[in-house]
Amino acid sequence: MAPRNRNLILGSGLVLVVCLAAIVYVVPRSDVLTESLPGRISDRDFWTLVSDFSENGGFFRSDNFVSNETTFQYVIPDLKERTKPGGVYLGVGPDQNFTYIAAIRPKVAFTVDIRKQNMLEHLMYKALFELSEDRAQFLSRLFSRRVPAGAGDKSTAELLGAFNAAESDPALQTQNLKAIVERLRDYHGFSLTA
């Protein structure tokens, strides 16, 4: 090999090593990033994010508010293998995100969507999660049905079956809607608009 070619190769290799070392030095490690995440976002900061990033509602050809297709869940084992709990989750759209969030357990999760109605639905879930002490209370509030007897000891499928068999209660629906609005508007200080 000619000395000129060898010097070019050695020089290129040295530049590559220096660049890689600089990248390793400059790019923060994921564990350092995770440690710097806040434990929670204040209501004011949260609502500022929502308000600043949200657009007015509009027309969409389809309303895809609720979506938890089982075919999308095949990625969960791979996600759990590739991610450590305590990071940040960023998702788009409907309820499928809750399944992913429960599986990978991030410290902070953001879901975004162009449809304002999805944002309002997720705010409803936020209130329901906060107002409910357990799964049965959450489902009771969500479906406006009284908690069936022995609900705490049931599997998820049995619990959903018990709520499916229960009668809806219009008075409970009114009470639940009022509690949701009060939680979001009065407790958190969110200005709700349609």
C-alpha atoms as a PDB file:
ATOM      1  CA  MET A   1       0.000   0.000   0.000  1.00  0.00           C
ATOM      2  CA  ALA A   2       1.366   3.410  -0.929  1.00  0.00           C
ATOM      3  CA  PRO A   3       2.327   5.698   1.995  1.00  0.00           C
ATOM      4  CA  ARG A   4      -0.151   8.315   0.828  1.00  0.00           C
ATOM      5  CA  ASN A   5      -3.092   5.852   0.895  1.00  0.00           C
ATOM      6  CA  ARG A   6      -1.989   4.476   4.260  1.00  0.00           C
ATOM      7  CA  ASN A   7      -1.804   8.000   5.739  1.00  0.00           C
ATOM      8  CA  LEU A   8      -5.251   8.787   4.310  1.00  0.00           C
ATOM      9  CA  ILE A   9      -6.719   5.627   5.867  1.00  0.00           C
ATOM     10  CA  LEU A  10      -4.990   6.240   9.223  1.00  0.00           C
ATOM     11  CA  GLY A  11      -6.067   9.892   9.200  1.00  0.00           C
ATOM     12  CA  SER A  12      -9.666   8.939   8.373  1.00  0.00           C
ATOM     13  CA  GLY A  13      -9.649   6.316  11.115  1.00  0.00           C
ATOM     14  CA  LEU A  14      -8.317   8.832  13.624  1.00  0.00           C
ATOM     15  CA  VAL A  15     -11.009  11.354  12.646  1.00  0.00           C
ATOM     16  CA  LEU A  16     -13.660   8.629  13.052  1.00  0.00           C
ATOM     17  CA  VAL A  17     -12.382   7.678  16.520  1.00  0.00           C
ATOM     18  CA  VAL A  18     -12.284  11.341  17.618  1.00  0.00           C
ATOM     19  CA  CYS A  19     -15.835  11.905  16.282  1.00  0.00           C
ATOM     20  CA  LEU A  20     -17.167   8.809  18.069  1.00  0.00           C
ATOM     21  CA  ALA A  21     -15.464   9.854  21.308  1.00  0.00           C
ATOM     22  CA  ALA A  22     -16.970  13.332  20.987  1.00  0.00           C
ATOM     23  CA  ILE A  23     -20.428  11.870  20.413  1.00  0.00           C
ATOM     24  CA  VAL A  24     -20.119   9.613  23.465  1.00  0.00           C
ATOM     25  CA  TYR A  25     -18.921  12.568  25.526  1.00  0.00           C
ATOM     26  CA  VAL A  26     -21.535  15.064  24.274  1.00  0.00           C
ATOM     27  CA  VAL A  27     -24.662  12.878  24.053  1.00  0.00           C
ATOM     28  CA  PRO A  28     -26.131  12.430  27.542  1.00  0.00           C
ATOM     29  CA  ARG A  29     -26.668   8.920  28.842  1.00  0.00           C
ATOM     30  CA  SER A  30     -30.267   7.770  29.149  1.00  0.00           C
ATOM     31  CA  ASP A  31     -29.932   7.161  32.900  1.00  0.00           C
ATOM     32  CA  VAL A  32     -28.807  10.776  33.381  1.00  0.00           C
ATOM     33  CA  LEU A  33     -31.759  11.997  31.307  1.00  0.00           C
ATOM     34  CA  THR A  34     -34.173   9.836  33.304  1.00  0.00           C
ATOM     35  CA  GLU A  35     -32.872  11.221  36.610  1.00  0.00           C
ATOM     36  CA  SER A  36     -33.559  14.765  35.428  1.00  0.00           C
ATOM     37  CA  LEU A  37     -37.223  14.102  34.625  1.00  0.00           C
ATOM     38  CA  PRO A  38     -39.665  15.799  36.967  1.00  0.00           C
ATOM     39  CA  GLY A  39     -41.745  13.571  39.221  1.00  0.00           C
ATOM     40  CA  ARG A  40     -44.809  15.343  37.930  1.00  0.00           C
ATOM     41  CA  ILE A  41     -45.763  18.384  35.917  1.00  0.00           C
ATOM     42  CA  SER A  42     -47.644  21.145  37.688  1.00  0.00           C
ATOM     43  CA  ASP A  43     -51.250  21.721  36.660  1.00  0.00           C
ATOM     44  CA  ARG A  44     -50.290  25.139  35.333  1.00  0.00           C
ATOM     45  CA  ASP A  45     -47.430  23.777  33.186  1.00  0.00           C
ATOM     46  CA  PHE A  46     -49.607  20.902  31.992  1.00  0.00           C
ATOM     47  CA  TRP A  47     -52.432  23.216  30.939  1.00  0.00           C
ATOM     48  CA  THR A  48     -49.964  25.575  29.258  1.00  0.00           C
ATOM     49  CA  LEU A  49     -48.676  22.631  27.192  1.00  0.00           C
ATOM     50  CA  VAL A  50     -52.210  21.556  26.314  1.00  0.00           C
ATOM     51  CA  SER A  51     -53.298  25.084  25.416  1.00  0.00           C
ATOM     52  CA  ASP A  52     -50.178  25.992  23.449  1.00  0.00           C
ATOM     53  CA  PHE A  53     -50.085  22.778  21.421  1.00  0.00           C
ATOM     54  CA  SER A  54     -53.817  22.342  20.846  1.00  0.00           C
ATOM     55  CA  GLU A  55     -55.696  23.596  17.850  1.00  0.00           C
ATOM     56  CA  ASN A  56     -59.392  24.344  17.678  1.00  0.00           C
ATOM     57  CA  GLY A  57     -61.643  21.374  17.077  1.00  0.00           C
ATOM     58  CA  GLY A  58     -62.536  20.614  13.493  1.00  0.00           C
ATOM     59  CA  PHE A  59     -64.137  18.144  11.145  1.00  0.00           C
ATOM     60  CA  PHE A  60     -62.565  14.722  10.633  1.00  0.00           C
ATOM     61  CA  ARG A  61     -63.802  11.981   8.356  1.00  0.00           C
ATOM     62  CA  SER A  62     -63.750   9.511  11.216  1.00  0.00           C
ATOM     63  CA  ASP A  63     -63.983   9.746  14.967  1.00  0.00           C
ATOM     64  CA  ASN A  64     -61.365   7.368  16.295  1.00  0.00           C
ATOM     65  CA  PHE A  65     -61.736   8.088  19.987  1.00  0.00           C
ATOM     66  CA  VAL A  66     -61.531   4.612  21.471  1.00  0.00           C
ATOM     67  CA  SER A  67     -59.044   2.180  20.046  1.00  0.00           C
ATOM     68  CA  ASN A  68     -57.379  -0.739  21.756  1.00  0.00           C
ATOM     69  CA  GLU A  69     -56.962  -3.302  19.012  1.00  0.00           C
ATOM     70  CA  THR A  70     -55.414  -6.540  20.180  1.00  0.00           C
ATOM     71  CA  THR A  71     -53.407  -6.767  16.945  1.00  0.00           C
ATOM     72  CA  PHE A  72     -51.448  -3.668  18.005  1.00  0.00           C
ATOM     73  CA  GLN A  73     -50.410  -5.356  21.238  1.00  0.00           C
ATOM     74  CA  TYR A  74     -48.000  -7.819  19.621  1.00  0.00           C
ATOM     75  CA  VAL A  75     -45.239  -5.187  19.973  1.00  0.00           C
ATOM     76  CA  ILE A  76     -45.495  -5.066  23.775  1.00  0.00           C
ATOM     77  CA  PRO A  77     -42.994  -7.878  24.531  1.00  0.00           C
ATOM     78  CA  ASP A  78     -40.468  -6.188  22.230  1.00  0.00           C
ATOM     79  CA  LEU A  79     -41.156  -2.782  23.822  1.00  0.00           C
ATOM     80  CA  LYS A  80     -40.647  -4.201  27.315  1.00  0.00           C
ATOM     81  CA  GLU A  81     -37.384  -5.800  26.229  1.00  0.00           C
ATOM     82  CA  ARG A  82     -36.026  -2.619  24.609  1.00  0.00           C
ATOM     83  CA  THR A  83     -37.103  -0.020  27.153  1.00  0.00           C
ATOM     84  CA  LYS A  84     -36.487   0.439  30.835  1.00  0.00           C
ATOM     85  CA  PRO A  85     -39.252   1.662  33.150  1.00  0.00           C
ATOM     86  CA  GLY A  86     -38.966   5.269  34.243  1.00  0.00           C
ATOM     87  CA  GLY A  87     -38.336   6.938  30.896  1.00  0.00           C
ATOM     88  CA  VAL A  88     -40.593   9.050  28.715  1.00  0.00           C
ATOM     89  CA  TYR A  89     -43.424   7.722  26.563  1.00  0.00           C
ATOM     90  CA  LEU A  90     -44.656   9.686  23.554  1.00  0.00           C
ATOM     91  CA  GLY A  91     -47.753   8.372  21.805  1.00  0.00           C
ATOM     92  CA  VAL A  92     -50.245   9.525  19.252  1.00  0.00           C
ATOM     93  CA  GLY A  93     -53.995   9.229  19.335  1.00  0.00           C
ATOM     94  CA  PRO A  94     -56.457   7.087  21.157  1.00  0.00           C
ATOM     95  CA  ASP A  95     -56.681   4.698  24.090  1.00  0.00           C
ATOM     96  CA  GLN A  96     -54.152   2.205  22.722  1.00  0.00           C
ATOM     97  CA  ASN A  97     -51.545   4.324  24.481  1.00  0.00           C
ATOM     98  CA  PHE A  98     -52.835   3.334  27.926  1.00  0.00           C
ATOM     99  CA  THR A  99     -52.007  -0.307  27.175  1.00  0.00           C
ATOM    100  CA  TYR A 100     -48.466   0.606  26.144  1.00  0.00           C
ATOM    101  CA  ILE A 101     -48.009   2.944  29.122  1.00  0.00           C
ATOM    102  CA  ALA A 102     -49.145   0.239  31.557  1.00  0.00           C
ATOM    103  CA  ALA A 103     -46.732  -2.236  29.961  1.00  0.00           C
ATOM    104  CA  ILE A 104     -43.568  -0.120  29.868  1.00  0.00           C
ATOM    105  CA  ARG A 105     -44.228   2.066  32.951  1.00  0.00           C
ATOM    106  CA  PRO A 106     -42.652   5.386  31.972  1.00  0.00           C
ATOM    107  CA  LYS A 107     -42.072   8.175  34.482  1.00  0.00           C
ATOM    108  CA  VAL A 108     -43.774  10.686  32.175  1.00  0.00           C
ATOM    109  CA  ALA A 109     -46.171   9.999  29.300  1.00  0.00           C
ATOM    110  CA  PHE A 110     -47.460  12.332  26.605  1.00  0.00           C
ATOM    111  CA  THR A 111     -50.142  11.504  24.076  1.00  0.00           C
ATOM    112  CA  VAL A 112     -50.842  13.926  21.278  1.00  0.00           C
ATOM    113  CA  ASP A 113     -53.488  13.982  18.583  1.00  0.00           C
ATOM    114  CA  ILE A 114     -54.749  16.467  16.044  1.00  0.00           C
ATOM    115  CA  ARG A 115     -58.326  15.810  17.183  1.00  0.00           C
ATOM    116  CA  LYS A 116     -59.337  17.967  20.134  1.00  0.00           C
ATOM    117  CA  GLN A 117     -62.015  15.450  21.127  1.00  0.00           C
ATOM    118  CA  ASN A 118     -59.275  12.890  21.873  1.00  0.00           C
ATOM    119  CA  MET A 119     -57.615  15.406  24.190  1.00  0.00           C
ATOM    120  CA  LEU A 120     -60.915  15.989  25.980  1.00  0.00           C
ATOM    121  CA  GLU A 121     -61.432  12.236  26.270  1.00  0.00           C
ATOM    122  CA  HIS A 122     -57.972  11.797  27.792  1.00  0.00           C
ATOM    123  CA  LEU A 123     -58.719  14.580  30.268  1.00  0.00           C
ATOM    124  CA  MET A 124     -61.861  12.661  31.228  1.00  0.00           C
ATOM    125  CA  TYR A 125     -59.688   9.589  31.865  1.00  0.00           C
ATOM    126  CA  LYS A 126     -57.268  11.688  33.909  1.00  0.00           C
ATOM    127  CA  ALA A 127     -60.119  12.752  36.173  1.00  0.00           C
ATOM    128  CA  LEU A 128     -61.537   9.220  36.392  1.00  0.00           C
ATOM    129  CA  PHE A 129     -58.134   7.748  37.320  1.00  0.00           C
ATOM    130  CA  GLU A 130     -57.726  10.353  40.046  1.00  0.00           C
ATOM    131  CA  LEU A 131     -61.263   9.989  41.413  1.00  0.00           C
ATOM    132  CA  SER A 132     -61.258   6.180  41.529  1.00  0.00           C
ATOM    133  CA  GLU A 133     -59.631   4.134  44.268  1.00  0.00           C
ATOM    134  CA  ASP A 134     -59.617   0.876  42.310  1.00  0.00           C
ATOM    135  CA  ARG A 135     -60.589  -0.801  39.025  1.00  0.00           C
ATOM    136  CA  ALA A 136     -64.190  -1.348  40.065  1.00  0.00           C
ATOM    137  CA  GLN A 137     -64.711   2.313  40.987  1.00  0.00           C
ATOM    138  CA  PHE A 138     -63.082   3.387  37.728  1.00  0.00           C
ATOM    139  CA  LEU A 139     -65.440   1.197  35.676  1.00  0.00           C
ATOM    140  CA  SER A 140     -68.409   2.311  37.763  1.00  0.00           C
ATOM    141  CA  ARG A 141     -67.650   5.947  37.016  1.00  0.00           C
ATOM    142  CA  LEU A 142     -66.792   5.295  33.366  1.00  0.00           C
ATOM    143  CA  PHE A 143     -69.956   3.326  32.586  1.00  0.00           C
ATOM    144  CA  SER A 144     -72.244   4.993  35.187  1.00  0.00           C
ATOM    145  CA  ARG A 145     -73.205   1.657  36.718  1.00  0.00           C
ATOM    146  CA  ARG A 146     -73.159   0.700  40.385  1.00  0.00           C
ATOM    147  CA  VAL A 147     -70.244  -1.466  41.508  1.00  0.00           C
ATOM    148  CA  PRO A 148     -71.390  -5.118  41.421  1.00  0.00           C
ATOM    149  CA  ALA A 149     -71.094  -7.177  44.613  1.00  0.00           C
ATOM    150  CA  GLY A 150     -67.710  -8.863  45.031  1.00  0.00           C
ATOM    151  CA  ALA A 151     -66.155  -6.789  42.250  1.00  0.00           C
ATOM    152  CA  GLY A 152     -62.780  -6.502  43.965  1.00  0.00           C
ATOM    153  CA  ASP A 153     -62.076 -10.233  43.752  1.00  0.00           C
ATOM    154  CA  LYS A 154     -62.864 -10.660  40.060  1.00  0.00           C
ATOM    155  CA  SER A 155     -60.513 -11.080  37.126  1.00  0.00           C
ATOM    156  CA  THR A 156     -60.561  -8.368  34.478  1.00  0.00           C
ATOM    157  CA  ALA A 157     -62.846 -10.427  32.220  1.00  0.00           C
ATOM    158  CA  GLU A 158     -65.210 -11.233  35.109  1.00  0.00           C
ATOM    159  CA  LEU A 159     -65.249  -7.606  36.221  1.00  0.00           C
ATOM    160  CA  LEU A 160     -66.114  -6.371  32.726  1.00  0.00           C
ATOM    161  CA  GLY A 161     -68.796  -9.053  32.452  1.00  0.00           C
ATOM    162  CA  ALA A 162     -70.313  -7.983  35.765  1.00  0.00           C
ATOM    163  CA  PHE A 163     -70.448  -4.341  34.665  1.00  0.00           C
ATOM    164  CA  ASN A 164     -71.885  -5.350  31.309  1.00  0.00           C
ATOM    165  CA  ALA A 165     -74.739  -7.114  33.104  1.00  0.00           C
ATOM    166  CA  ALA A 166     -75.390  -4.152  35.431  1.00  0.00           C
ATOM    167  CA  GLU A 167     -77.964  -1.498  34.567  1.00  0.00           C
ATOM    168  CA  SER A 168     -76.793   1.988  33.690  1.00  0.00           C
ATOM    169  CA  ASP A 169     -77.884   4.675  36.129  1.00  0.00           C
ATOM    170  CA  PRO A 170     -78.781   8.122  34.685  1.00  0.00           C
ATOM    171  CA  ALA A 171     -78.478   9.765  38.110  1.00  0.00           C
ATOM    172  CA  LEU A 172     -75.001   8.270  38.523  1.00  0.00           C
ATOM    173  CA  GLN A 173     -74.086   9.520  35.038  1.00  0.00           C
ATOM    174  CA  THR A 174     -75.057  13.081  36.001  1.00  0.00           C
ATOM    175  CA  GLN A 175     -73.129  12.767  39.267  1.00  0.00           C
ATOM    176  CA  ASN A 176     -70.047  11.360  37.496  1.00  0.00           C
ATOM    177  CA  LEU A 177     -70.033  14.050  34.807  1.00  0.00           C
ATOM    178  CA  LYS A 178     -70.267  16.738  37.485  1.00  0.00           C
ATOM    179  CA  ALA A 179     -67.382  15.138  39.429  1.00  0.00           C
ATOM    180  CA  ILE A 180     -65.225  14.960  36.276  1.00  0.00           C
ATOM    181  CA  VAL A 181     -65.830  18.603  35.365  1.00  0.00           C
ATOM    182  CA  GLU A 182     -65.224  19.744  38.957  1.00  0.00           C
ATOM    183  CA  ARG A 183     -61.999  17.743  39.144  1.00  0.00           C
ATOM    184  CA  LEU A 184     -60.643  19.200  35.919  1.00  0.00           C
ATOM    185  CA  ARG A 185     -61.965  22.744  36.182  1.00  0.00           C
ATOM    186  CA  ASP A 186     -62.015  23.446  39.926  1.00  0.00           C
ATOM    187  CA  TYR A 187     -59.269  21.196  41.336  1.00  0.00           C
ATOM    188  CA  HIS A 188     -56.769  21.424  38.451  1.00  0.00           C
ATOM    189  CA  GLY A 189     -57.837  24.834  37.129  1.00  0.00           C
ATOM    190  CA  PHE A 190     -58.246  23.704  33.516  1.00  0.00           C
ATOM    191  CA  SER A 191     -60.489  25.915  31.396  1.00  0.00           C
ATOM    192  CA  LEU A 192     -62.594  23.416  29.491  1.00  0.00           C
ATOM    193  CA  THR A 193     -64.004  24.241  26.078  1.00  0.00           C
ATOM    194  CA  ALA A 194     -65.659  21.976  23.526  1.00  0.00           C
END
